Protein backbone atom coordinates (compact mmCIF):
# COMPACT_ATOMS: atom_id res chain seq x y z
CA MET A 1 0.00 0.00 0.00
CA GLY A 2 1.45 3.33 -1.08
CA LYS A 3 1.03 6.78 0.31
CA PRO A 4 -1.78 9.01 -0.95
CA VAL A 5 -1.01 11.26 -3.91
CA LEU A 6 -2.62 14.68 -4.27
CA TYR A 7 -2.66 16.04 -7.83
CA ASP A 8 -3.03 19.81 -8.10
CA PHE A 9 -4.39 20.64 -11.56
CA PHE A 10 -3.71 24.34 -12.07
CA ALA A 11 -2.97 27.02 -14.68
CA GLU A 12 -0.48 29.89 -14.44
CA TRP A 13 -3.18 32.42 -15.43
CA CYS A 14 -5.63 31.22 -12.74
CA GLY A 15 -6.05 33.51 -9.70
CA PRO A 16 -7.65 30.90 -7.42
CA CYS A 17 -4.81 28.50 -8.35
CA ARG A 18 -2.34 31.00 -6.91
CA ARG A 19 -4.29 30.94 -3.63
CA GLN A 20 -4.27 27.12 -3.57
CA GLY A 21 -0.45 26.94 -3.81
CA PRO A 22 0.35 28.23 -0.29
CA ILE A 23 -2.39 26.01 1.16
CA LEU A 24 -0.69 22.95 -0.34
CA GLU A 25 2.70 24.10 0.98
CA ASP A 26 1.17 24.36 4.46
CA LEU A 27 -0.38 20.90 4.08
CA LYS A 28 2.99 19.44 3.07
CA LYS A 29 4.62 20.99 6.17
CA LYS A 30 1.94 19.44 8.40
CA MET A 31 1.83 15.98 6.80
CA GLY A 32 5.43 15.69 5.57
CA ASP A 33 6.46 12.59 3.66
CA SER A 34 3.26 10.74 4.50
CA ILE A 35 1.71 12.27 1.35
CA GLU A 36 2.93 13.14 -2.14
CA ILE A 37 1.84 16.31 -3.94
CA ARG A 38 2.16 16.57 -7.71
CA LYS A 39 1.44 19.83 -9.53
CA VAL A 40 0.01 19.49 -13.04
CA ASP A 41 -0.19 22.56 -15.31
CA VAL A 42 -3.27 21.88 -17.46
CA ASP A 43 -1.93 24.02 -20.31
CA GLN A 44 1.23 21.89 -20.55
CA HIS A 45 -0.34 18.51 -19.73
CA MET A 46 -3.72 18.50 -21.47
CA ASP A 47 -3.54 14.70 -21.81
CA GLN A 48 -3.56 14.26 -18.02
CA ALA A 49 -6.30 16.87 -17.62
CA GLN A 50 -8.44 14.96 -20.14
CA LYS A 51 -7.67 11.62 -18.48
CA TYR A 52 -9.17 12.91 -15.22
CA GLY A 53 -11.94 14.95 -16.88
CA ILE A 54 -10.72 18.27 -15.49
CA GLN A 55 -13.22 21.05 -16.28
CA VAL A 56 -12.27 23.64 -13.63
CA VAL A 57 -8.97 24.85 -12.18
CA PRO A 58 -7.89 24.47 -9.53
CA THR A 59 -8.99 20.85 -9.21
CA LEU A 60 -7.43 18.54 -6.64
CA ILE A 61 -7.50 14.79 -7.14
CA ILE A 62 -6.56 12.48 -4.30
CA GLU A 63 -5.47 8.96 -5.23
CA LYS A 64 -4.59 6.00 -3.07
CA ASP A 65 -3.05 2.89 -4.65
CA GLY A 66 -3.85 4.21 -8.14
CA LYS A 67 -7.55 4.74 -7.43
CA VAL A 68 -9.24 8.14 -7.27
CA VAL A 69 -10.52 8.67 -3.72
CA ARG A 70 -11.74 12.25 -4.03
CA MET A 71 -12.00 15.08 -6.58
CA LEU A 72 -12.30 18.65 -5.29
CA GLU A 73 -12.96 21.65 -7.52
CA GLY A 74 -12.02 25.18 -6.46
CA VAL A 75 -9.79 26.35 -3.62
CA THR A 76 -9.77 23.83 -0.76
CA GLY A 77 -8.47 24.62 2.73
CA THR A 78 -5.72 22.87 4.67
CA GLU A 79 -8.08 21.50 7.35
CA THR A 80 -10.40 19.91 4.77
CA LEU A 81 -7.51 18.31 2.89
CA GLU A 82 -5.91 17.05 6.09
CA ALA A 83 -9.23 15.49 7.18
CA ILE A 84 -9.50 13.65 3.86
CA LEU A 85 -5.86 12.55 3.69
CA GLN A 86 -5.20 11.54 7.31
CA PRO A 87 -7.28 8.32 7.19
CA LEU A 88 -5.44 7.34 3.97
CA VAL A 89 -2.00 7.55 5.60
CA GLU A 90 -0.79 4.20 6.85
């Protein structure tokens, strides 16, 4: 069983995406190496955005063992993310 992976689908031109960045940095400080965060620029990686059906940025996708556990559209706070991820950490 692997650690949960949080994909941050964002765009450079997206204002809310810029607000999500510091939230994810805070989350990483709190949860450390128990989670992995991968940033995906939708303009550079349209194939991945299409694979996950991304319609809105920012969109966060949380996977565990290769399966999508949760998809969150819009800016999501640290506490909410921590509450979702904590039970997935072994």
